[in-house]
Amino acid sequence: MDIITRVETTATIHRVISARTCHALLPNGKEIFGTIQKELPDFPLVEGAQVRVRMHVCDFSYGEMMGAV
């Protein structure tokens, strides 16, 4: 059986920091630091927008943004 190391959910962009980084809110209200990985194409970060986020199961303070919902 495979051990799950990453989980995916949605988040709402709360504050844009740069073209590839932001603070976002998870559905439970927790604020995370989100980034767009350099391997992925840029997509616009707009406050209030919903994004797909992948997080490591050991660290729910950081998420890799995978794209807009």
C-alpha atoms as a PDB file:
ATOM      1  CA  MET A   1       0.000   0.000   0.000  1.00  0.00           C
ATOM      2  CA  ASP A   2       1.272   3.477  -0.921  1.00  0.00           C
ATOM      3  CA  ILE A   3       1.742   6.067   1.795  1.00  0.00           C
ATOM      4  CA  ILE A   4       0.127   9.405   0.960  1.00  0.00           C
ATOM      5  CA  THR A   5       2.594  12.292   1.297  1.00  0.00           C
ATOM      6  CA  ARG A   6       0.659  15.086  -0.429  1.00  0.00           C
ATOM      7  CA  VAL A   7      -2.938  16.267  -0.296  1.00  0.00           C
ATOM      8  CA  GLU A   8      -4.785  18.566  -2.680  1.00  0.00           C
ATOM      9  CA  THR A   9      -7.490  21.066  -1.837  1.00  0.00           C
ATOM     10  CA  THR A  10      -8.676  24.500  -2.884  1.00  0.00           C
ATOM     11  CA  ALA A  11      -7.670  27.833  -1.390  1.00  0.00           C
ATOM     12  CA  THR A  12      -8.751  31.438  -1.815  1.00  0.00           C
ATOM     13  CA  ILE A  13      -6.017  33.964  -2.584  1.00  0.00           C
ATOM     14  CA  HIS A  14      -5.951  36.441   0.281  1.00  0.00           C
ATOM     15  CA  ARG A  15      -2.958  38.682  -0.471  1.00  0.00           C
ATOM     16  CA  VAL A  16      -0.723  38.692  -3.559  1.00  0.00           C
ATOM     17  CA  ILE A  17       2.976  39.114  -2.719  1.00  0.00           C
ATOM     18  CA  SER A  18       4.512  38.742  -6.194  1.00  0.00           C
ATOM     19  CA  ALA A  19       3.689  37.210  -9.580  1.00  0.00           C
ATOM     20  CA  ARG A  20       4.369  33.703  -8.210  1.00  0.00           C
ATOM     21  CA  THR A  21       3.699  33.981  -4.443  1.00  0.00           C
ATOM     22  CA  CYS A  22       0.748  34.838  -2.208  1.00  0.00           C
ATOM     23  CA  HIS A  23      -0.975  34.215   1.078  1.00  0.00           C
ATOM     24  CA  ALA A  24      -4.096  32.104   0.668  1.00  0.00           C
ATOM     25  CA  LEU A  25      -6.882  30.830   2.916  1.00  0.00           C
ATOM     26  CA  LEU A  26      -7.797  27.155   3.164  1.00  0.00           C
ATOM     27  CA  PRO A  27     -11.499  26.199   3.472  1.00  0.00           C
ATOM     28  CA  ASN A  28     -11.066  25.960   7.288  1.00  0.00           C
ATOM     29  CA  GLY A  29      -9.744  29.573   7.427  1.00  0.00           C
ATOM     30  CA  LYS A  30      -6.050  28.737   7.975  1.00  0.00           C
ATOM     31  CA  GLU A  31      -3.722  31.094   6.105  1.00  0.00           C
ATOM     32  CA  ILE A  32      -0.902  29.491   4.099  1.00  0.00           C
ATOM     33  CA  PHE A  33       2.014  30.717   2.004  1.00  0.00           C
ATOM     34  CA  GLY A  34       1.490  29.666  -1.603  1.00  0.00           C
ATOM     35  CA  THR A  35       3.849  29.549  -4.561  1.00  0.00           C
ATOM     36  CA  ILE A  36       3.676  28.678  -8.234  1.00  0.00           C
ATOM     37  CA  GLN A  37       6.523  26.250  -8.926  1.00  0.00           C
ATOM     38  CA  LYS A  38       8.962  27.247 -11.686  1.00  0.00           C
ATOM     39  CA  GLU A  39       8.091  24.061 -13.619  1.00  0.00           C
ATOM     40  CA  LEU A  40       4.505  25.303 -14.063  1.00  0.00           C
ATOM     41  CA  PRO A  41       3.429  28.126 -16.360  1.00  0.00           C
ATOM     42  CA  ASP A  42       2.423  31.363 -14.676  1.00  0.00           C
ATOM     43  CA  PHE A  43      -1.262  32.010 -14.106  1.00  0.00           C
ATOM     44  CA  PRO A  44      -2.704  35.262 -12.761  1.00  0.00           C
ATOM     45  CA  LEU A  45      -2.858  35.598  -8.981  1.00  0.00           C
ATOM     46  CA  VAL A  46      -5.897  37.689  -8.124  1.00  0.00           C
ATOM     47  CA  GLU A  47      -7.143  38.357  -4.600  1.00  0.00           C
ATOM     48  CA  GLY A  48     -10.356  36.414  -4.015  1.00  0.00           C
ATOM     49  CA  ALA A  49      -9.653  33.843  -6.757  1.00  0.00           C
ATOM     50  CA  GLN A  50      -9.878  30.105  -6.048  1.00  0.00           C
ATOM     51  CA  VAL A  51      -6.790  27.967  -6.769  1.00  0.00           C
ATOM     52  CA  ARG A  52      -5.918  24.271  -6.497  1.00  0.00           C
ATOM     53  CA  VAL A  53      -3.224  23.730  -3.848  1.00  0.00           C
ATOM     54  CA  ARG A  54      -1.001  20.721  -3.125  1.00  0.00           C
ATOM     55  CA  MET A  55       0.425  20.473   0.409  1.00  0.00           C
ATOM     56  CA  HIS A  56       2.733  18.040   2.159  1.00  0.00           C
ATOM     57  CA  VAL A  57       0.974  16.119   4.930  1.00  0.00           C
ATOM     58  CA  CYS A  58       3.638  17.239   7.443  1.00  0.00           C
ATOM     59  CA  ASP A  59       3.404  20.978   6.658  1.00  0.00           C
ATOM     60  CA  PHE A  60       0.051  22.697   6.195  1.00  0.00           C
ATOM     61  CA  SER A  61       1.599  26.189   6.291  1.00  0.00           C
ATOM     62  CA  TYR A  62       2.841  26.023   2.683  1.00  0.00           C
ATOM     63  CA  GLY A  63       1.139  25.034  -0.553  1.00  0.00           C
ATOM     64  CA  GLU A  64       2.135  24.610  -4.170  1.00  0.00           C
ATOM     65  CA  MET A  65      -0.491  26.309  -6.326  1.00  0.00           C
ATOM     66  CA  MET A  66      -1.386  24.083  -9.268  1.00  0.00           C
ATOM     67  CA  GLY A  67      -3.793  26.345 -11.165  1.00  0.00           C
ATOM     68  CA  ALA A  68      -7.048  28.222 -11.001  1.00  0.00           C
ATOM     69  CA  VAL A  69     -10.266  26.389 -10.146  1.00  0.00           C
END
